Amino acid sequence: MRRMLVMGLAGFAGLAGWASPAGAGLFSSTGPVIAIIAGELFLGEAEGNLDGSGTIKIQSRTKPDVTCRGQFTSSAKLGGVGTMRCSDGATATIQFQRLSVLRGYGTGSSSRGPMSFTYGLSANESELYLKLPPGKALRLDGKDLVLVDERQPVPAVLPVTGPISPAPEVAPDVFPVLSH
């Protein structure tokens, strides 16, 4: 009995690990959401309740006047499902899997296009689960998360320390073998 009480308190303490804003209930927890909807980055938060119900609120990073809100239900065994409606009239249905009580990932379909999202994960952890547009990557710009063009690393330019020999006009047929 004592062990069950300790385990129950530890689980409750884990739920308190997310920030608990003043509006959150005693048995709820709020955490970050990173979403890609039709190639566009949205950020926000989800509030989950102990009974598996919850709400999600996200905002477009490129069009801050576009926000989406929705509800979901979840269970450890079945994962979760939900719906969202955006301020521009777009709608979405979502489904997700828990990685733990406070962390997970999902996909959805919206009237804008395909959707993928994470909750409770860092930007680095989220890249594994998000379907980013081709050639794009998530980057922190100060404290702001942004979707940027991927760039190939620029080759290092080494300083010249002496005269440069001209390249042979004909490549040699035999290259010297280095012994180990």
C-alpha atoms as a PDB file:
ATOM      1  CA  MET A   1       0.000   0.000   0.000  1.00  0.00           C
ATOM      2  CA  ARG A   2       2.802   2.399   0.913  1.00  0.00           C
ATOM      3  CA  ARG A   3       4.557   1.656  -2.388  1.00  0.00           C
ATOM      4  CA  MET A   4       1.349   2.437  -4.332  1.00  0.00           C
ATOM      5  CA  LEU A   5       1.007   5.735  -2.491  1.00  0.00           C
ATOM      6  CA  VAL A   6       4.623   6.653  -3.289  1.00  0.00           C
ATOM      7  CA  MET A   7       4.145   5.657  -6.952  1.00  0.00           C
ATOM      8  CA  GLY A   8       0.919   7.693  -7.137  1.00  0.00           C
ATOM      9  CA  LEU A   9       2.617  10.764  -5.677  1.00  0.00           C
ATOM     10  CA  ALA A  10       5.575  10.333  -8.052  1.00  0.00           C
ATOM     11  CA  GLY A  11       3.180  10.138 -11.017  1.00  0.00           C
ATOM     12  CA  PHE A  12       1.351  13.244  -9.847  1.00  0.00           C
ATOM     13  CA  ALA A  13       4.672  15.045  -9.383  1.00  0.00           C
ATOM     14  CA  GLY A  14       5.516  14.075 -12.985  1.00  0.00           C
ATOM     15  CA  LEU A  15       2.279  15.688 -14.177  1.00  0.00           C
ATOM     16  CA  ALA A  16       3.295  18.840 -12.344  1.00  0.00           C
ATOM     17  CA  GLY A  17       6.538  18.845 -14.366  1.00  0.00           C
ATOM     18  CA  TRP A  18       4.942  20.896 -17.144  1.00  0.00           C
ATOM     19  CA  ALA A  19       4.172  24.498 -16.418  1.00  0.00           C
ATOM     20  CA  SER A  20       0.830  24.838 -14.661  1.00  0.00           C
ATOM     21  CA  PRO A  21      -0.676  28.210 -15.533  1.00  0.00           C
ATOM     22  CA  ALA A  22      -3.186  29.811 -13.190  1.00  0.00           C
ATOM     23  CA  GLY A  23      -6.082  28.646 -15.401  1.00  0.00           C
ATOM     24  CA  ALA A  24      -5.002  24.985 -15.396  1.00  0.00           C
ATOM     25  CA  GLY A  25      -6.948  22.670 -13.160  1.00  0.00           C
ATOM     26  CA  LEU A  26      -5.548  20.729 -10.220  1.00  0.00           C
ATOM     27  CA  PHE A  27      -5.363  17.526 -12.271  1.00  0.00           C
ATOM     28  CA  SER A  28      -4.128  18.976 -15.566  1.00  0.00           C
ATOM     29  CA  SER A  29      -0.794  19.766 -17.136  1.00  0.00           C
ATOM     30  CA  THR A  30       0.249  22.134 -19.934  1.00  0.00           C
ATOM     31  CA  GLY A  31       3.135  21.636 -22.375  1.00  0.00           C
ATOM     32  CA  PRO A  32       4.554  22.928 -25.671  1.00  0.00           C
ATOM     33  CA  VAL A  33       3.260  21.944 -29.123  1.00  0.00           C
ATOM     34  CA  ILE A  34       5.235  22.202 -32.382  1.00  0.00           C
ATOM     35  CA  ALA A  35       3.165  21.607 -35.529  1.00  0.00           C
ATOM     36  CA  ILE A  36       3.686  21.686 -39.289  1.00  0.00           C
ATOM     37  CA  ILE A  37       0.451  22.267 -41.205  1.00  0.00           C
ATOM     38  CA  ALA A  38       0.725  22.280 -45.004  1.00  0.00           C
ATOM     39  CA  GLY A  39       4.419  23.200 -44.716  1.00  0.00           C
ATOM     40  CA  GLU A  40       3.852  26.062 -42.246  1.00  0.00           C
ATOM     41  CA  LEU A  41       5.192  26.191 -38.664  1.00  0.00           C
ATOM     42  CA  PHE A  42       2.711  26.578 -35.795  1.00  0.00           C
ATOM     43  CA  LEU A  43       3.639  26.797 -32.103  1.00  0.00           C
ATOM     44  CA  GLY A  44       1.461  26.630 -29.028  1.00  0.00           C
ATOM     45  CA  GLU A  45       0.480  24.477 -26.115  1.00  0.00           C
ATOM     46  CA  ALA A  46      -1.700  21.575 -25.115  1.00  0.00           C
ATOM     47  CA  GLU A  47      -3.391  21.107 -21.768  1.00  0.00           C
ATOM     48  CA  GLY A  48      -4.096  17.522 -20.808  1.00  0.00           C
ATOM     49  CA  ASN A  49      -6.333  16.401 -17.977  1.00  0.00           C
ATOM     50  CA  LEU A  50      -5.932  13.338 -15.806  1.00  0.00           C
ATOM     51  CA  ASP A  51      -9.024  11.772 -17.435  1.00  0.00           C
ATOM     52  CA  GLY A  52      -7.330  11.890 -20.894  1.00  0.00           C
ATOM     53  CA  SER A  53      -9.275  14.857 -22.268  1.00  0.00           C
ATOM     54  CA  GLY A  54      -7.581  18.090 -23.228  1.00  0.00           C
ATOM     55  CA  THR A  55      -7.283  21.173 -25.383  1.00  0.00           C
ATOM     56  CA  ILE A  56      -4.754  22.378 -27.930  1.00  0.00           C
ATOM     57  CA  LYS A  57      -4.000  25.970 -29.007  1.00  0.00           C
ATOM     58  CA  ILE A  58      -1.470  26.808 -31.724  1.00  0.00           C
ATOM     59  CA  GLN A  59      -0.519  29.915 -33.731  1.00  0.00           C
ATOM     60  CA  SER A  60       1.108  30.320 -37.151  1.00  0.00           C
ATOM     61  CA  ARG A  61       4.647  31.715 -36.995  1.00  0.00           C
ATOM     62  CA  THR A  62       4.376  33.351 -40.435  1.00  0.00           C
ATOM     63  CA  LYS A  63       0.787  34.626 -40.085  1.00  0.00           C
ATOM     64  CA  PRO A  64       0.331  35.425 -36.354  1.00  0.00           C
ATOM     65  CA  ASP A  65      -3.354  36.277 -36.856  1.00  0.00           C
ATOM     66  CA  VAL A  66      -4.033  32.597 -37.722  1.00  0.00           C
ATOM     67  CA  THR A  67      -4.690  30.546 -34.587  1.00  0.00           C
ATOM     68  CA  CYS A  68      -6.147  27.069 -34.160  1.00  0.00           C
ATOM     69  CA  ARG A  69      -7.950  25.580 -31.158  1.00  0.00           C
ATOM     70  CA  GLY A  70      -9.249  22.121 -30.524  1.00  0.00           C
ATOM     71  CA  GLN A  71     -10.076  19.287 -28.173  1.00  0.00           C
ATOM     72  CA  PHE A  72      -8.708  15.772 -27.829  1.00  0.00           C
ATOM     73  CA  THR A  73      -9.096  12.580 -25.827  1.00  0.00           C
ATOM     74  CA  SER A  74      -6.357  10.033 -25.222  1.00  0.00           C
ATOM     75  CA  SER A  75      -5.417   6.848 -23.425  1.00  0.00           C
ATOM     76  CA  ALA A  76      -2.095   5.108 -22.924  1.00  0.00           C
ATOM     77  CA  LYS A  77      -3.364   2.024 -24.753  1.00  0.00           C
ATOM     78  CA  LEU A  78      -5.130   3.606 -27.737  1.00  0.00           C
ATOM     79  CA  GLY A  79      -3.317   6.929 -28.194  1.00  0.00           C
ATOM     80  CA  GLY A  80      -5.418   9.963 -28.897  1.00  0.00           C
ATOM     81  CA  VAL A  81      -7.763  11.644 -31.365  1.00  0.00           C
ATOM     82  CA  GLY A  82      -9.103  15.154 -31.677  1.00  0.00           C
ATOM     83  CA  THR A  83     -10.340  18.002 -33.828  1.00  0.00           C
ATOM     84  CA  MET A  84      -9.246  21.602 -34.386  1.00  0.00           C
ATOM     85  CA  ARG A  85     -10.727  24.722 -35.962  1.00  0.00           C
ATOM     86  CA  CYS A  86      -8.589  27.659 -37.106  1.00  0.00           C
ATOM     87  CA  SER A  87      -9.403  31.369 -37.156  1.00  0.00           C
ATOM     88  CA  ASP A  88      -9.173  31.390 -40.974  1.00  0.00           C
ATOM     89  CA  GLY A  89     -11.867  28.684 -41.217  1.00  0.00           C
ATOM     90  CA  ALA A  90      -9.533  25.695 -41.697  1.00  0.00           C
ATOM     91  CA  THR A  91     -10.400  22.489 -39.817  1.00  0.00           C
ATOM     92  CA  ALA A  92      -8.340  19.437 -38.879  1.00  0.00           C
ATOM     93  CA  THR A  93      -8.646  15.975 -37.388  1.00  0.00           C
ATOM     94  CA  ILE A  94      -5.665  14.648 -35.454  1.00  0.00           C
ATOM     95  CA  GLN A  95      -4.440  11.354 -34.067  1.00  0.00           C
ATOM     96  CA  PHE A  96      -1.419  10.876 -31.832  1.00  0.00           C
ATOM     97  CA  GLN A  97       0.679   8.407 -29.856  1.00  0.00           C
ATOM     98  CA  ARG A  98       2.083   8.926 -26.388  1.00  0.00           C
ATOM     99  CA  LEU A  99       5.790   8.530 -25.781  1.00  0.00           C
ATOM    100  CA  SER A 100       5.025   9.130 -22.086  1.00  0.00           C
ATOM    101  CA  VAL A 101       2.207  10.781 -20.172  1.00  0.00           C
ATOM    102  CA  LEU A 102       3.544  14.238 -21.094  1.00  0.00           C
ATOM    103  CA  ARG A 103       5.213  13.650 -24.461  1.00  0.00           C
ATOM    104  CA  GLY A 104       4.114  12.371 -27.850  1.00  0.00           C
ATOM    105  CA  TYR A 105       3.673  12.917 -31.574  1.00  0.00           C
ATOM    106  CA  GLY A 106       0.920  12.781 -34.128  1.00  0.00           C
ATOM    107  CA  THR A 107      -0.394  13.436 -37.585  1.00  0.00           C
ATOM    108  CA  GLY A 108      -3.556  14.827 -39.006  1.00  0.00           C
ATOM    109  CA  SER A 109      -5.372  16.000 -42.052  1.00  0.00           C
ATOM    110  CA  SER A 110      -6.579  19.547 -42.380  1.00  0.00           C
ATOM    111  CA  SER A 111      -8.444  21.500 -45.002  1.00  0.00           C
ATOM    112  CA  ARG A 112      -5.060  23.281 -45.553  1.00  0.00           C
ATOM    113  CA  GLY A 113      -3.161  20.016 -46.145  1.00  0.00           C
ATOM    114  CA  PRO A 114      -1.244  17.379 -44.174  1.00  0.00           C
ATOM    115  CA  MET A 115      -0.265  17.973 -40.568  1.00  0.00           C
ATOM    116  CA  SER A 116       2.319  16.576 -38.146  1.00  0.00           C
ATOM    117  CA  PHE A 117       2.969  17.669 -34.586  1.00  0.00           C
ATOM    118  CA  THR A 118       4.701  16.923 -31.309  1.00  0.00           C
ATOM    119  CA  TYR A 119       3.878  17.796 -27.735  1.00  0.00           C
ATOM    120  CA  GLY A 120       6.209  18.002 -24.771  1.00  0.00           C
ATOM    121  CA  LEU A 121       9.311  17.573 -26.965  1.00  0.00           C
ATOM    122  CA  SER A 122      12.189  19.950 -27.659  1.00  0.00           C
ATOM    123  CA  ALA A 123      12.762  21.229 -31.195  1.00  0.00           C
ATOM    124  CA  ASN A 124      15.636  18.758 -31.670  1.00  0.00           C
ATOM    125  CA  GLU A 125      13.547  15.818 -30.437  1.00  0.00           C
ATOM    126  CA  SER A 126      10.600  16.932 -32.594  1.00  0.00           C
ATOM    127  CA  GLU A 127      12.486  16.796 -35.915  1.00  0.00           C
ATOM    128  CA  LEU A 128      12.348  12.986 -35.800  1.00  0.00           C
ATOM    129  CA  TYR A 129       8.527  13.053 -35.820  1.00  0.00           C
ATOM    130  CA  LEU A 130       7.667  16.167 -37.842  1.00  0.00           C
ATOM    131  CA  LYS A 131       7.223  16.058 -41.606  1.00  0.00           C
ATOM    132  CA  LEU A 132       9.160  19.185 -42.516  1.00  0.00           C
ATOM    133  CA  PRO A 133       8.875  20.621 -46.016  1.00  0.00           C
ATOM    134  CA  PRO A 134      11.719  19.525 -48.332  1.00  0.00           C
ATOM    135  CA  GLY A 135      14.835  21.632 -47.811  1.00  0.00           C
ATOM    136  CA  LYS A 136      13.603  23.058 -44.483  1.00  0.00           C
ATOM    137  CA  ALA A 137      14.829  22.632 -40.901  1.00  0.00           C
ATOM    138  CA  LEU A 138      13.833  23.863 -37.450  1.00  0.00           C
ATOM    139  CA  ARG A 139      16.279  26.305 -35.861  1.00  0.00           C
ATOM    140  CA  LEU A 140      16.339  28.424 -32.738  1.00  0.00           C
ATOM    141  CA  ASP A 141      16.768  32.119 -33.456  1.00  0.00           C
ATOM    142  CA  GLY A 142      17.480  33.365 -29.957  1.00  0.00           C
ATOM    143  CA  LYS A 143      14.509  31.949 -28.053  1.00  0.00           C
ATOM    144  CA  ASP A 144      12.284  31.866 -31.150  1.00  0.00           C
ATOM    145  CA  LEU A 145      11.790  28.633 -33.092  1.00  0.00           C
ATOM    146  CA  VAL A 146      11.730  29.178 -36.865  1.00  0.00           C
ATOM    147  CA  LEU A 147      11.488  27.093 -40.028  1.00  0.00           C
ATOM    148  CA  VAL A 148      14.490  27.886 -42.236  1.00  0.00           C
ATOM    149  CA  ASP A 149      16.110  26.752 -45.482  1.00  0.00           C
ATOM    150  CA  GLU A 150      18.657  23.997 -44.933  1.00  0.00           C
ATOM    151  CA  ARG A 151      22.084  25.016 -46.077  1.00  0.00           C
ATOM    152  CA  GLN A 152      24.929  22.800 -47.056  1.00  0.00           C
ATOM    153  CA  PRO A 153      27.987  23.380 -44.892  1.00  0.00           C
ATOM    154  CA  VAL A 154      30.359  25.823 -46.532  1.00  0.00           C
ATOM    155  CA  PRO A 155      33.745  24.207 -47.151  1.00  0.00           C
ATOM    156  CA  ALA A 156      36.517  25.676 -45.060  1.00  0.00           C
ATOM    157  CA  VAL A 157      38.899  27.919 -46.938  1.00  0.00           C
ATOM    158  CA  LEU A 158      42.400  27.183 -45.758  1.00  0.00           C
ATOM    159  CA  PRO A 159      44.981  29.969 -45.832  1.00  0.00           C
ATOM    160  CA  VAL A 160      47.710  29.633 -48.428  1.00  0.00           C
ATOM    161  CA  THR A 161      51.115  29.348 -46.764  1.00  0.00           C
ATOM    162  CA  GLY A 162      53.367  28.964 -49.767  1.00  0.00           C
ATOM    163  CA  PRO A 163      53.427  28.878 -53.539  1.00  0.00           C
ATOM    164  CA  ILE A 164      50.860  26.675 -55.193  1.00  0.00           C
ATOM    165  CA  SER A 165      52.172  24.082 -57.660  1.00  0.00           C
ATOM    166  CA  PRO A 166      50.397  23.973 -60.984  1.00  0.00           C
ATOM    167  CA  ALA A 167      48.183  20.944 -61.549  1.00  0.00           C
ATOM    168  CA  PRO A 168      49.586  18.321 -63.898  1.00  0.00           C
ATOM    169  CA  GLU A 169      48.097  18.475 -67.362  1.00  0.00           C
ATOM    170  CA  VAL A 170      47.630  14.702 -67.409  1.00  0.00           C
ATOM    171  CA  ALA A 171      46.588  12.722 -64.372  1.00  0.00           C
ATOM    172  CA  PRO A 172      49.050   9.982 -63.471  1.00  0.00           C
ATOM    173  CA  ASP A 173      48.010   6.398 -64.242  1.00  0.00           C
ATOM    174  CA  VAL A 174      49.463   5.077 -60.997  1.00  0.00           C
ATOM    175  CA  PHE A 175      48.990   6.651 -57.614  1.00  0.00           C
ATOM    176  CA  PRO A 176      51.509   5.987 -54.850  1.00  0.00           C
ATOM    177  CA  VAL A 177      50.316   3.546 -52.190  1.00  0.00           C
ATOM    178  CA  LEU A 178      50.837   4.672 -48.640  1.00  0.00           C
ATOM    179  CA  SER A 179      51.979   1.977 -46.254  1.00  0.00           C
ATOM    180  CA  HIS A 180      50.368   1.770 -42.834  1.00  0.00           C
END
